[in-house]
Amino acid sequence: MELTLEIIFYVGIAVFVHILVILFVMGKQKSKSICGRHVVVTGGSKGIGLCLAVECAMKGADVTVIARDEKMLSGAVALMEVIRQRPEQKFQFRSLDIGGDYEQVERVLGEMEESVGPIYALINCAGMAICGVFEEVSVADARKLMNVNFFGSYNCTRYVLPKMKKAGEGIIVITSSQAAMFGIFGYGPYAASKYALRAMAETIAMESREFGVSVTLALPCDTNTPGFEEEEKSKPRETKIISGGGGLVEPEAMAKAILKDALKGNFISTVGAESWLITMLGGALMPWDGFFTNLLHASVIGPLRLFSYGLHKYFNSVISKCAKEDRQEKALKGEGSN
């Protein structure tokens, strides 16, 4: 019990100090303006992507949304028209499989730039989740996850990055997940696709900083979106128990936080104390912004290592309990059939 209280104390102190650091550091950071600039949002027809498109439109940006469902895309454009900030503001959509052929993605993005202007900000938000015990997720579904989650972001980023470097400015947002911080039961191929995005974002950020291009890695926790509803359908019981304790964040709040971090040039974007804590523990080598933030991490990450130990002990106890219940259920069914 004393150990638990000690961990809670350290966590509370860390969160409190981190809030003070954020208020101090963020207060000195200037936000970039996207008013009159061309912003492209992939996965912009629903969920976090739609909310991000709306947020950009409210800041006066010319917005292009990309997804597959034309009906939902036209609805997204209609919603942005309602909140138009400038008479000359432009909104458009494109139905495109961004995880497919790169040449097609290159052609369509080029056509978008011809009609609206150079892409100043790319917000990669297209994604999906298929859960299940590793060997029970089909090879086809594993490839689908990589195509949508990784190659969708890769293809679009591959197109805009050299143009942004040449222009000496630009913003790229890569939306990964808290599942990119550590592997969890039932998230195998999905987590792998999100880990790939994390690595890509870290690499691009290091390569692009000197060219005036900022990269933001968004690490959302569970968010109340249509995608999350689909994810719940394939989650094993163990995964639902493990991931169910954190609650749900509304997509509007998540979108506001991501865009705010992107416009301030922050590399990492999280929402909530739990996400911050997991990201700090799982991403110690990631480029956290600000000397004082890193000083805070250096002072608390040692004691908080006990938190991660307790977390894994809890996860393993959940898995063991579910396995025991499954064995008992099979035994009862076996007795009933005799």
C-alpha atoms as a PDB file:
ATOM      1  CA  MET A   1       0.000   0.000   0.000  1.00  0.00           C
ATOM      2  CA  GLU A   2       2.876   2.380   0.828  1.00  0.00           C
ATOM      3  CA  LEU A   3       4.388   1.734  -2.597  1.00  0.00           C
ATOM      4  CA  THR A   4       1.076   2.566  -4.257  1.00  0.00           C
ATOM      5  CA  LEU A   5       0.773   5.833  -2.329  1.00  0.00           C
ATOM      6  CA  GLU A   6       4.356   6.693  -3.202  1.00  0.00           C
ATOM      7  CA  ILE A   7       3.695   6.125  -6.910  1.00  0.00           C
ATOM      8  CA  ILE A   8       0.522   8.219  -6.742  1.00  0.00           C
ATOM      9  CA  PHE A   9       2.464  10.975  -4.999  1.00  0.00           C
ATOM     10  CA  TYR A  10       5.184  11.024  -7.671  1.00  0.00           C
ATOM     11  CA  VAL A  11       2.621  10.948 -10.460  1.00  0.00           C
ATOM     12  CA  GLY A  12       0.692  13.815  -8.895  1.00  0.00           C
ATOM     13  CA  ILE A  13       3.820  15.923  -8.441  1.00  0.00           C
ATOM     14  CA  ALA A  14       4.972  15.165 -12.006  1.00  0.00           C
ATOM     15  CA  VAL A  15       1.632  16.156 -13.516  1.00  0.00           C
ATOM     16  CA  PHE A  16       1.438  19.346 -11.442  1.00  0.00           C
ATOM     17  CA  VAL A  17       4.959  20.442 -12.326  1.00  0.00           C
ATOM     18  CA  HIS A  18       4.405  19.517 -15.972  1.00  0.00           C
ATOM     19  CA  ILE A  19       1.343  21.792 -16.081  1.00  0.00           C
ATOM     20  CA  LEU A  20       3.442  24.652 -14.692  1.00  0.00           C
ATOM     21  CA  VAL A  21       6.155  23.938 -17.263  1.00  0.00           C
ATOM     22  CA  ILE A  22       3.598  23.907 -20.077  1.00  0.00           C
ATOM     23  CA  LEU A  23       2.123  27.227 -18.938  1.00  0.00           C
ATOM     24  CA  PHE A  24       5.604  28.748 -18.749  1.00  0.00           C
ATOM     25  CA  VAL A  25       6.956  27.363 -22.027  1.00  0.00           C
ATOM     26  CA  MET A  26       3.780  27.579 -24.108  1.00  0.00           C
ATOM     27  CA  GLY A  27       3.232  31.146 -23.041  1.00  0.00           C
ATOM     28  CA  LYS A  28       6.429  32.106 -24.863  1.00  0.00           C
ATOM     29  CA  GLN A  29       5.704  30.134 -28.033  1.00  0.00           C
ATOM     30  CA  LYS A  30       4.182  31.881 -31.006  1.00  0.00           C
ATOM     31  CA  SER A  31       1.597  30.104 -33.132  1.00  0.00           C
ATOM     32  CA  LYS A  32       1.861  30.015 -36.907  1.00  0.00           C
ATOM     33  CA  SER A  33      -1.077  31.308 -38.921  1.00  0.00           C
ATOM     34  CA  ILE A  34      -2.886  29.160 -41.482  1.00  0.00           C
ATOM     35  CA  CYS A  35      -5.295  31.881 -42.570  1.00  0.00           C
ATOM     36  CA  GLY A  36      -5.322  31.896 -46.366  1.00  0.00           C
ATOM     37  CA  ARG A  37      -3.002  28.879 -46.516  1.00  0.00           C
ATOM     38  CA  HIS A  38      -3.831  25.512 -48.080  1.00  0.00           C
ATOM     39  CA  VAL A  39      -4.325  22.757 -45.483  1.00  0.00           C
ATOM     40  CA  VAL A  40      -4.906  19.130 -46.502  1.00  0.00           C
ATOM     41  CA  VAL A  41      -6.548  16.759 -44.004  1.00  0.00           C
ATOM     42  CA  THR A  42      -6.590  13.045 -44.765  1.00  0.00           C
ATOM     43  CA  GLY A  43      -9.333  11.051 -43.077  1.00  0.00           C
ATOM     44  CA  GLY A  44     -11.217  14.338 -43.030  1.00  0.00           C
ATOM     45  CA  SER A  45     -14.714  12.989 -43.493  1.00  0.00           C
ATOM     46  CA  LYS A  46     -15.334  11.889 -39.887  1.00  0.00           C
ATOM     47  CA  GLY A  47     -13.898  11.608 -36.388  1.00  0.00           C
ATOM     48  CA  ILE A  48     -10.765  13.520 -35.405  1.00  0.00           C
ATOM     49  CA  GLY A  49      -9.988  14.294 -39.059  1.00  0.00           C
ATOM     50  CA  LEU A  50     -13.329  16.034 -39.616  1.00  0.00           C
ATOM     51  CA  CYS A  51     -12.907  18.017 -36.404  1.00  0.00           C
ATOM     52  CA  LEU A  52      -9.419  19.069 -37.501  1.00  0.00           C
ATOM     53  CA  ALA A  53     -10.758  20.202 -40.886  1.00  0.00           C
ATOM     54  CA  VAL A  54     -13.410  22.288 -39.115  1.00  0.00           C
ATOM     55  CA  GLU A  55     -10.818  23.801 -36.770  1.00  0.00           C
ATOM     56  CA  CYS A  56      -8.624  24.751 -39.741  1.00  0.00           C
ATOM     57  CA  ALA A  57     -11.597  26.268 -41.557  1.00  0.00           C
ATOM     58  CA  MET A  58     -12.422  28.337 -38.477  1.00  0.00           C
ATOM     59  CA  LYS A  59      -8.881  29.716 -38.574  1.00  0.00           C
ATOM     60  CA  GLY A  60      -9.403  30.891 -42.129  1.00  0.00           C
ATOM     61  CA  ALA A  61      -7.502  28.153 -43.973  1.00  0.00           C
ATOM     62  CA  ASP A  62      -8.333  26.855 -47.439  1.00  0.00           C
ATOM     63  CA  VAL A  63      -9.096  23.219 -46.664  1.00  0.00           C
ATOM     64  CA  THR A  64      -9.014  20.051 -48.742  1.00  0.00           C
ATOM     65  CA  VAL A  65     -10.357  16.882 -47.117  1.00  0.00           C
ATOM     66  CA  ILE A  66      -9.416  13.431 -48.401  1.00  0.00           C
ATOM     67  CA  ALA A  67     -11.140  10.133 -47.673  1.00  0.00           C
ATOM     68  CA  ARG A  68     -13.011   7.450 -49.640  1.00  0.00           C
ATOM     69  CA  ASP A  69     -16.699   8.059 -48.945  1.00  0.00           C
ATOM     70  CA  GLU A  70     -17.819  10.870 -51.288  1.00  0.00           C
ATOM     71  CA  LYS A  71     -21.117  11.376 -49.479  1.00  0.00           C
ATOM     72  CA  MET A  72     -19.391  11.956 -46.136  1.00  0.00           C
ATOM     73  CA  LEU A  73     -16.754  14.118 -47.807  1.00  0.00           C
ATOM     74  CA  SER A  74     -19.398  16.368 -49.357  1.00  0.00           C
ATOM     75  CA  GLY A  75     -21.000  16.615 -45.919  1.00  0.00           C
ATOM     76  CA  ALA A  76     -17.651  17.725 -44.455  1.00  0.00           C
ATOM     77  CA  VAL A  77     -17.337  20.458 -47.084  1.00  0.00           C
ATOM     78  CA  ALA A  78     -20.927  21.580 -46.436  1.00  0.00           C
ATOM     79  CA  LEU A  79     -20.138  21.838 -42.718  1.00  0.00           C
ATOM     80  CA  MET A  80     -17.093  24.013 -43.429  1.00  0.00           C
ATOM     81  CA  GLU A  81     -19.166  26.247 -45.705  1.00  0.00           C
ATOM     82  CA  VAL A  82     -21.416  27.036 -42.739  1.00  0.00           C
ATOM     83  CA  ILE A  83     -18.459  28.362 -40.723  1.00  0.00           C
ATOM     84  CA  ARG A  84     -16.746  30.187 -43.607  1.00  0.00           C
ATOM     85  CA  GLN A  85     -14.430  32.911 -42.280  1.00  0.00           C
ATOM     86  CA  ARG A  86     -13.468  34.648 -45.539  1.00  0.00           C
ATOM     87  CA  PRO A  87     -15.501  35.264 -48.723  1.00  0.00           C
ATOM     88  CA  GLU A  88     -12.644  33.885 -50.851  1.00  0.00           C
ATOM     89  CA  GLN A  89     -12.026  30.860 -48.602  1.00  0.00           C
ATOM     90  CA  LYS A  90     -11.824  27.607 -50.577  1.00  0.00           C
ATOM     91  CA  PHE A  91     -13.057  24.148 -49.552  1.00  0.00           C
ATOM     92  CA  GLN A  92     -12.823  20.990 -51.626  1.00  0.00           C
ATOM     93  CA  PHE A  93     -12.676  17.218 -51.265  1.00  0.00           C
ATOM     94  CA  ARG A  94     -11.104  14.301 -53.066  1.00  0.00           C
ATOM     95  CA  SER A  95     -12.075  10.636 -52.865  1.00  0.00           C
ATOM     96  CA  LEU A  96      -8.772   8.778 -52.904  1.00  0.00           C
ATOM     97  CA  ASP A  97      -7.131   5.582 -51.635  1.00  0.00           C
ATOM     98  CA  ILE A  98      -4.034   7.266 -50.213  1.00  0.00           C
ATOM     99  CA  GLY A  99      -2.549   3.941 -49.115  1.00  0.00           C
ATOM    100  CA  GLY A 100      -2.524   2.560 -52.659  1.00  0.00           C
ATOM    101  CA  ASP A 101      -0.538   3.560 -55.728  1.00  0.00           C
ATOM    102  CA  TYR A 102       1.887   6.429 -55.028  1.00  0.00           C
ATOM    103  CA  GLU A 103       1.710   7.760 -58.582  1.00  0.00           C
ATOM    104  CA  GLN A 104      -2.058   8.210 -58.230  1.00  0.00           C
ATOM    105  CA  VAL A 105      -1.629  10.010 -54.911  1.00  0.00           C
ATOM    106  CA  GLU A 106       1.041  12.236 -56.472  1.00  0.00           C
ATOM    107  CA  ARG A 107      -1.230  13.104 -59.407  1.00  0.00           C
ATOM    108  CA  VAL A 108      -4.272  13.942 -57.279  1.00  0.00           C
ATOM    109  CA  LEU A 109      -2.312  16.044 -54.782  1.00  0.00           C
ATOM    110  CA  GLY A 110      -0.772  17.903 -57.701  1.00  0.00           C
ATOM    111  CA  GLU A 111      -4.239  18.653 -59.108  1.00  0.00           C
ATOM    112  CA  MET A 112      -5.338  19.919 -55.676  1.00  0.00           C
ATOM    113  CA  GLU A 113      -2.417  22.329 -55.550  1.00  0.00           C
ATOM    114  CA  GLU A 114      -3.266  23.631 -59.023  1.00  0.00           C
ATOM    115  CA  SER A 115      -6.819  24.440 -57.949  1.00  0.00           C
ATOM    116  CA  VAL A 116      -6.213  25.771 -54.415  1.00  0.00           C
ATOM    117  CA  GLY A 117      -2.494  26.514 -54.113  1.00  0.00           C
ATOM    118  CA  PRO A 118       0.650  24.978 -52.594  1.00  0.00           C
ATOM    119  CA  ILE A 119       0.046  22.740 -49.595  1.00  0.00           C
ATOM    120  CA  TYR A 120       1.278  24.580 -46.501  1.00  0.00           C
ATOM    121  CA  ALA A 121       0.076  22.046 -43.936  1.00  0.00           C
ATOM    122  CA  LEU A 122      -0.564  18.315 -44.285  1.00  0.00           C
ATOM    123  CA  ILE A 123      -2.537  16.710 -41.474  1.00  0.00           C
ATOM    124  CA  ASN A 124      -2.341  12.921 -41.791  1.00  0.00           C
ATOM    125  CA  CYS A 125      -5.363  11.613 -39.913  1.00  0.00           C
ATOM    126  CA  ALA A 126      -6.560   8.657 -41.986  1.00  0.00           C
ATOM    127  CA  GLY A 127      -6.440   5.417 -40.050  1.00  0.00           C
ATOM    128  CA  MET A 128      -8.229   2.314 -38.899  1.00  0.00           C
ATOM    129  CA  ALA A 129      -7.965  -0.385 -36.244  1.00  0.00           C
ATOM    130  CA  ILE A 130      -8.399  -4.145 -36.424  1.00  0.00           C
ATOM    131  CA  CYS A 131      -7.745  -5.896 -33.128  1.00  0.00           C
ATOM    132  CA  GLY A 132      -7.255  -9.523 -32.177  1.00  0.00           C
ATOM    133  CA  VAL A 133      -4.735 -12.017 -30.847  1.00  0.00           C
ATOM    134  CA  PHE A 134      -1.718 -11.852 -33.172  1.00  0.00           C
ATOM    135  CA  GLU A 135      -2.165 -15.158 -34.999  1.00  0.00           C
ATOM    136  CA  GLU A 136      -5.922 -14.624 -35.329  1.00  0.00           C
ATOM    137  CA  VAL A 137      -5.595 -11.389 -37.336  1.00  0.00           C
ATOM    138  CA  SER A 138      -5.542 -12.415 -40.995  1.00  0.00           C
ATOM    139  CA  VAL A 139      -2.555 -11.613 -43.173  1.00  0.00           C
ATOM    140  CA  ALA A 140      -4.890  -9.608 -45.418  1.00  0.00           C
ATOM    141  CA  ASP A 141      -6.034  -7.488 -42.464  1.00  0.00           C
ATOM    142  CA  ALA A 142      -2.442  -6.949 -41.310  1.00  0.00           C
ATOM    143  CA  ARG A 143      -1.515  -5.676 -44.779  1.00  0.00           C
ATOM    144  CA  LYS A 144      -4.632  -3.503 -44.834  1.00  0.00           C
ATOM    145  CA  LEU A 145      -3.596  -1.891 -41.553  1.00  0.00           C
ATOM    146  CA  MET A 146      -0.154  -1.069 -42.919  1.00  0.00           C
ATOM    147  CA  ASN A 147      -1.585   0.296 -46.172  1.00  0.00           C
ATOM    148  CA  VAL A 148      -4.132   2.572 -44.503  1.00  0.00           C
ATOM    149  CA  ASN A 149      -2.230   3.607 -41.369  1.00  0.00           C
ATOM    150  CA  PHE A 150       1.372   3.731 -42.578  1.00  0.00           C
ATOM    151  CA  PHE A 151       1.466   3.966 -46.362  1.00  0.00           C
ATOM    152  CA  GLY A 152      -1.435   6.430 -46.439  1.00  0.00           C
ATOM    153  CA  SER A 153       0.615   8.864 -44.356  1.00  0.00           C
ATOM    154  CA  TYR A 154       3.847   7.900 -46.098  1.00  0.00           C
ATOM    155  CA  ASN A 155       2.525   8.567 -49.619  1.00  0.00           C
ATOM    156  CA  CYS A 156       1.087  11.987 -48.815  1.00  0.00           C
ATOM    157  CA  THR A 157       4.115  13.040 -46.774  1.00  0.00           C
ATOM    158  CA  ARG A 158       6.472  11.784 -49.483  1.00  0.00           C
ATOM    159  CA  TYR A 159       4.767  14.135 -51.941  1.00  0.00           C
ATOM    160  CA  VAL A 160       4.674  17.328 -49.830  1.00  0.00           C
ATOM    161  CA  LEU A 161       7.998  17.072 -47.968  1.00  0.00           C
ATOM    162  CA  PRO A 162      10.425  18.010 -50.772  1.00  0.00           C
ATOM    163  CA  LYS A 163       8.123  20.873 -51.811  1.00  0.00           C
ATOM    164  CA  MET A 164       7.985  22.185 -48.243  1.00  0.00           C
ATOM    165  CA  LYS A 165      11.759  21.934 -47.883  1.00  0.00           C
ATOM    166  CA  LYS A 166      12.210  23.886 -51.086  1.00  0.00           C
ATOM    167  CA  ALA A 167       9.726  26.536 -49.910  1.00  0.00           C
ATOM    168  CA  GLY A 168      11.437  26.744 -46.521  1.00  0.00           C
ATOM    169  CA  GLU A 169       8.186  26.346 -44.600  1.00  0.00           C
ATOM    170  CA  GLY A 170       5.442  23.861 -43.864  1.00  0.00           C
ATOM    171  CA  ILE A 171       3.655  21.827 -41.221  1.00  0.00           C
ATOM    172  CA  ILE A 172       3.234  18.055 -41.181  1.00  0.00           C
ATOM    173  CA  VAL A 173       1.074  16.245 -38.641  1.00  0.00           C
ATOM    174  CA  ILE A 174       1.343  12.475 -38.349  1.00  0.00           C
ATOM    175  CA  THR A 175      -1.410  10.928 -36.272  1.00  0.00           C
ATOM    176  CA  SER A 176      -0.212   7.791 -34.522  1.00  0.00           C
ATOM    177  CA  SER A 177      -1.654   6.440 -31.252  1.00  0.00           C
ATOM    178  CA  GLN A 178      -0.880   5.703 -27.622  1.00  0.00           C
ATOM    179  CA  ALA A 179      -0.508   2.147 -28.938  1.00  0.00           C
ATOM    180  CA  ALA A 180       2.820   3.331 -30.389  1.00  0.00           C
ATOM    181  CA  MET A 181       4.221   3.694 -26.869  1.00  0.00           C
ATOM    182  CA  PHE A 182       4.168   0.030 -25.872  1.00  0.00           C
ATOM    183  CA  GLY A 183       2.619  -3.191 -27.103  1.00  0.00           C
ATOM    184  CA  ILE A 184      -0.681  -4.288 -25.589  1.00  0.00           C
ATOM    185  CA  PHE A 185      -2.524  -7.591 -25.800  1.00  0.00           C
ATOM    186  CA  GLY A 186      -4.744  -7.666 -28.893  1.00  0.00           C
ATOM    187  CA  TYR A 187      -3.125  -4.728 -30.687  1.00  0.00           C
ATOM    188  CA  GLY A 188      -0.329  -6.596 -32.534  1.00  0.00           C
ATOM    189  CA  PRO A 189      -0.476  -5.564 -36.240  1.00  0.00           C
ATOM    190  CA  TYR A 190      -2.326  -2.349 -35.397  1.00  0.00           C
ATOM    191  CA  ALA A 191       0.342  -1.278 -32.903  1.00  0.00           C
ATOM    192  CA  ALA A 192       3.050  -2.193 -35.416  1.00  0.00           C
ATOM    193  CA  SER A 193       1.535   0.197 -37.982  1.00  0.00           C
ATOM    194  CA  LYS A 194       1.388   2.955 -35.371  1.00  0.00           C
ATOM    195  CA  TYR A 195       4.970   2.322 -34.216  1.00  0.00           C
ATOM    196  CA  ALA A 196       5.997   2.743 -37.861  1.00  0.00           C
ATOM    197  CA  LEU A 197       4.332   6.166 -37.951  1.00  0.00           C
ATOM    198  CA  ARG A 198       6.124   7.194 -34.772  1.00  0.00           C
ATOM    199  CA  ALA A 199       9.496   6.240 -36.262  1.00  0.00           C
ATOM    200  CA  MET A 200       8.683   8.030 -39.517  1.00  0.00           C
ATOM    201  CA  ALA A 201       7.713  11.203 -37.665  1.00  0.00           C
ATOM    202  CA  GLU A 202      10.905  11.199 -35.583  1.00  0.00           C
ATOM    203  CA  THR A 203      13.026  10.714 -38.700  1.00  0.00           C
ATOM    204  CA  ILE A 204      11.288  13.402 -40.745  1.00  0.00           C
ATOM    205  CA  ALA A 205      11.434  15.871 -37.858  1.00  0.00           C
ATOM    206  CA  MET A 206      15.198  15.427 -37.581  1.00  0.00           C
ATOM    207  CA  GLU A 207      15.701  15.712 -41.350  1.00  0.00           C
ATOM    208  CA  SER A 208      13.416  18.711 -41.883  1.00  0.00           C
ATOM    209  CA  ARG A 209      14.017  21.064 -38.975  1.00  0.00           C
ATOM    210  CA  GLU A 210      16.821  22.950 -40.751  1.00  0.00           C
ATOM    211  CA  PHE A 211      14.537  23.535 -43.739  1.00  0.00           C
ATOM    212  CA  GLY A 212      11.811  25.301 -41.755  1.00  0.00           C
ATOM    213  CA  VAL A 213       9.401  22.353 -41.784  1.00  0.00           C
ATOM    214  CA  SER A 214       7.847  21.394 -38.454  1.00  0.00           C
ATOM    215  CA  VAL A 215       6.562  17.905 -37.677  1.00  0.00           C
ATOM    216  CA  THR A 216       4.008  17.052 -34.997  1.00  0.00           C
ATOM    217  CA  LEU A 217       3.422  13.494 -33.816  1.00  0.00           C
ATOM    218  CA  ALA A 218      -0.141  13.210 -32.498  1.00  0.00           C
ATOM    219  CA  LEU A 219      -0.642  10.394 -29.992  1.00  0.00           C
ATOM    220  CA  PRO A 220      -4.371  10.201 -29.292  1.00  0.00           C
ATOM    221  CA  CYS A 221      -5.807   8.018 -26.556  1.00  0.00           C
ATOM    222  CA  ASP A 222      -9.220   6.370 -26.967  1.00  0.00           C
ATOM    223  CA  THR A 223     -11.464   8.934 -28.661  1.00  0.00           C
ATOM    224  CA  ASN A 224     -15.235   8.895 -29.132  1.00  0.00           C
ATOM    225  CA  THR A 225     -15.279   8.419 -32.927  1.00  0.00           C
ATOM    226  CA  PRO A 226     -16.902   6.058 -35.457  1.00  0.00           C
ATOM    227  CA  GLY A 227     -13.479   4.443 -35.851  1.00  0.00           C
ATOM    228  CA  PHE A 228     -13.369   3.627 -32.140  1.00  0.00           C
ATOM    229  CA  GLU A 229     -16.818   2.031 -32.364  1.00  0.00           C
ATOM    230  CA  GLU A 230     -15.510  -0.251 -35.132  1.00  0.00           C
ATOM    231  CA  GLU A 231     -12.377  -1.005 -33.127  1.00  0.00           C
ATOM    232  CA  GLU A 232     -14.472  -2.167 -30.164  1.00  0.00           C
ATOM    233  CA  LYS A 233     -16.083  -4.868 -32.329  1.00  0.00           C
ATOM    234  CA  SER A 234     -12.801  -6.732 -32.845  1.00  0.00           C
ATOM    235  CA  LYS A 235     -11.200  -6.186 -29.423  1.00  0.00           C
ATOM    236  CA  PRO A 236     -10.535  -9.298 -27.327  1.00  0.00           C
ATOM    237  CA  ARG A 237     -11.961  -9.220 -23.812  1.00  0.00           C
ATOM    238  CA  GLU A 238      -8.492  -8.703 -22.315  1.00  0.00           C
ATOM    239  CA  THR A 239      -7.888  -5.651 -24.508  1.00  0.00           C
ATOM    240  CA  LYS A 240     -11.195  -4.065 -23.536  1.00  0.00           C
ATOM    241  CA  ILE A 241     -10.368  -4.438 -19.833  1.00  0.00           C
ATOM    242  CA  ILE A 242      -6.809  -3.136 -20.206  1.00  0.00           C
ATOM    243  CA  SER A 243      -7.695  -0.145 -22.380  1.00  0.00           C
ATOM    244  CA  GLY A 244     -11.071   0.626 -20.845  1.00  0.00           C
ATOM    245  CA  GLY A 245      -9.896   2.383 -17.694  1.00  0.00           C
ATOM    246  CA  GLY A 246      -8.883   5.658 -19.326  1.00  0.00           C
ATOM    247  CA  GLY A 247     -12.279   6.768 -20.577  1.00  0.00           C
ATOM    248  CA  LEU A 248     -12.998   8.495 -23.893  1.00  0.00           C
ATOM    249  CA  VAL A 249     -11.907  11.910 -25.126  1.00  0.00           C
ATOM    250  CA  GLU A 250     -14.248  13.810 -27.438  1.00  0.00           C
ATOM    251  CA  PRO A 251     -12.843  14.287 -30.966  1.00  0.00           C
ATOM    252  CA  GLU A 252     -13.344  18.061 -30.834  1.00  0.00           C
ATOM    253  CA  ALA A 253     -11.035  18.323 -27.809  1.00  0.00           C
ATOM    254  CA  MET A 254      -8.468  16.057 -29.439  1.00  0.00           C
ATOM    255  CA  ALA A 255      -8.527  18.077 -32.666  1.00  0.00           C
ATOM    256  CA  LYS A 256      -8.085  21.386 -30.861  1.00  0.00           C
ATOM    257  CA  ALA A 257      -5.048  20.045 -28.977  1.00  0.00           C
ATOM    258  CA  ILE A 258      -3.420  18.559 -32.095  1.00  0.00           C
ATOM    259  CA  LEU A 259      -3.845  21.738 -34.143  1.00  0.00           C
ATOM    260  CA  LYS A 260      -2.634  23.917 -31.286  1.00  0.00           C
ATOM    261  CA  ASP A 261       0.547  21.838 -30.931  1.00  0.00           C
ATOM    262  CA  ALA A 262       1.085  21.772 -34.697  1.00  0.00           C
ATOM    263  CA  LEU A 263       0.786  25.554 -35.031  1.00  0.00           C
ATOM    264  CA  LYS A 264       3.201  26.051 -32.136  1.00  0.00           C
ATOM    265  CA  GLY A 265       5.679  23.644 -33.719  1.00  0.00           C
ATOM    266  CA  ASN A 266       5.579  21.101 -30.889  1.00  0.00           C
ATOM    267  CA  PHE A 267       6.736  17.636 -31.872  1.00  0.00           C
ATOM    268  CA  ILE A 268       4.542  15.697 -29.428  1.00  0.00           C
ATOM    269  CA  SER A 269       0.801  16.173 -28.983  1.00  0.00           C
ATOM    270  CA  THR A 270      -1.123  14.359 -26.255  1.00  0.00           C
ATOM    271  CA  VAL A 271      -4.301  14.976 -24.272  1.00  0.00           C
ATOM    272  CA  GLY A 272      -4.660  14.143 -20.588  1.00  0.00           C
ATOM    273  CA  ALA A 273      -2.321  13.271 -17.745  1.00  0.00           C
ATOM    274  CA  GLU A 274      -2.428   9.513 -18.410  1.00  0.00           C
ATOM    275  CA  SER A 275      -1.404   9.939 -22.059  1.00  0.00           C
ATOM    276  CA  TRP A 276       1.366  12.331 -21.098  1.00  0.00           C
ATOM    277  CA  LEU A 277       2.668   9.893 -18.492  1.00  0.00           C
ATOM    278  CA  ILE A 278       2.643   6.904 -20.865  1.00  0.00           C
ATOM    279  CA  THR A 279       4.244   8.968 -23.621  1.00  0.00           C
ATOM    280  CA  MET A 280       6.995  10.179 -21.293  1.00  0.00           C
ATOM    281  CA  LEU A 281       7.774   6.652 -20.112  1.00  0.00           C
ATOM    282  CA  GLY A 282       7.486   5.025 -23.532  1.00  0.00           C
ATOM    283  CA  GLY A 283       9.164   7.775 -25.534  1.00  0.00           C
ATOM    284  CA  ALA A 284      12.096   8.929 -23.431  1.00  0.00           C
ATOM    285  CA  LEU A 285      14.299   9.337 -26.521  1.00  0.00           C
ATOM    286  CA  MET A 286      11.725  11.275 -28.505  1.00  0.00           C
ATOM    287  CA  PRO A 287      12.518  14.973 -29.084  1.00  0.00           C
ATOM    288  CA  TRP A 288      10.465  16.595 -26.340  1.00  0.00           C
ATOM    289  CA  ASP A 289      10.330  20.368 -26.763  1.00  0.00           C
ATOM    290  CA  GLY A 290      11.877  22.710 -24.199  1.00  0.00           C
ATOM    291  CA  PHE A 291      14.729  22.517 -21.710  1.00  0.00           C
ATOM    292  CA  PHE A 292      12.449  22.728 -18.680  1.00  0.00           C
ATOM    293  CA  THR A 293      10.251  19.901 -19.944  1.00  0.00           C
ATOM    294  CA  ASN A 294      13.293  17.667 -20.321  1.00  0.00           C
ATOM    295  CA  LEU A 295      14.593  18.755 -16.914  1.00  0.00           C
ATOM    296  CA  LEU A 296      11.277  17.696 -15.400  1.00  0.00           C
ATOM    297  CA  HIS A 297      11.495  14.316 -17.117  1.00  0.00           C
ATOM    298  CA  ALA A 298      15.030  13.784 -15.829  1.00  0.00           C
ATOM    299  CA  SER A 299      13.897  14.404 -12.258  1.00  0.00           C
ATOM    300  CA  VAL A 300      10.811  12.195 -12.199  1.00  0.00           C
ATOM    301  CA  ILE A 301      11.302   9.430 -14.757  1.00  0.00           C
ATOM    302  CA  GLY A 302      13.330   7.255 -12.361  1.00  0.00           C
ATOM    303  CA  PRO A 303      10.661   6.983  -9.640  1.00  0.00           C
ATOM    304  CA  LEU A 304       7.920   6.761 -12.265  1.00  0.00           C
ATOM    305  CA  ARG A 305       9.593   3.646 -13.675  1.00  0.00           C
ATOM    306  CA  LEU A 306       7.848   1.904 -10.776  1.00  0.00           C
ATOM    307  CA  PHE A 307       4.545   3.014 -12.288  1.00  0.00           C
ATOM    308  CA  SER A 308       5.313   1.214 -15.547  1.00  0.00           C
ATOM    309  CA  TYR A 309       6.310  -1.892 -13.584  1.00  0.00           C
ATOM    310  CA  GLY A 310       2.980  -1.840 -11.753  1.00  0.00           C
ATOM    311  CA  LEU A 311       1.137  -1.216 -15.010  1.00  0.00           C
ATOM    312  CA  HIS A 312       2.600  -4.319 -16.649  1.00  0.00           C
ATOM    313  CA  LYS A 313       1.888  -6.380 -13.526  1.00  0.00           C
ATOM    314  CA  TYR A 314      -1.736  -5.275 -13.764  1.00  0.00           C
ATOM    315  CA  PHE A 315      -1.952  -6.097 -17.477  1.00  0.00           C
ATOM    316  CA  ASN A 316      -0.496  -9.564 -16.910  1.00  0.00           C
ATOM    317  CA  SER A 317      -2.927 -10.208 -14.046  1.00  0.00           C
ATOM    318  CA  VAL A 318      -5.862  -9.305 -16.334  1.00  0.00           C
ATOM    319  CA  ILE A 319      -4.583 -11.674 -19.035  1.00  0.00           C
ATOM    320  CA  SER A 320      -4.028 -14.489 -16.507  1.00  0.00           C
ATOM    321  CA  LYS A 321      -7.493 -14.031 -15.020  1.00  0.00           C
ATOM    322  CA  CYS A 322      -9.160 -14.117 -18.448  1.00  0.00           C
ATOM    323  CA  ALA A 323      -7.168 -17.206 -19.448  1.00  0.00           C
ATOM    324  CA  LYS A 324      -8.212 -18.954 -16.220  1.00  0.00           C
ATOM    325  CA  GLU A 325     -11.858 -18.082 -16.827  1.00  0.00           C
ATOM    326  CA  ASP A 326     -11.601 -19.379 -20.413  1.00  0.00           C
ATOM    327  CA  ARG A 327     -10.144 -22.702 -19.185  1.00  0.00           C
ATOM    328  CA  GLN A 328     -12.907 -23.056 -16.613  1.00  0.00           C
ATOM    329  CA  GLU A 329     -15.560 -22.286 -19.217  1.00  0.00           C
ATOM    330  CA  LYS A 330     -14.116 -24.912 -21.586  1.00  0.00           C
ATOM    331  CA  ALA A 331     -14.000 -27.450 -18.774  1.00  0.00           C
ATOM    332  CA  LEU A 332     -17.656 -26.826 -17.935  1.00  0.00           C
ATOM    333  CA  LYS A 333     -18.641 -27.182 -21.595  1.00  0.00           C
ATOM    334  CA  GLY A 334     -16.681 -30.412 -21.757  1.00  0.00           C
ATOM    335  CA  GLU A 335     -18.497 -31.800 -18.709  1.00  0.00           C
ATOM    336  CA  GLY A 336     -21.846 -30.759 -20.164  1.00  0.00           C
ATOM    337  CA  SER A 337     -21.251 -32.603 -23.411  1.00  0.00           C
ATOM    338  CA  ASN A 338     -20.450 -35.896 -21.637  1.00  0.00           C
END
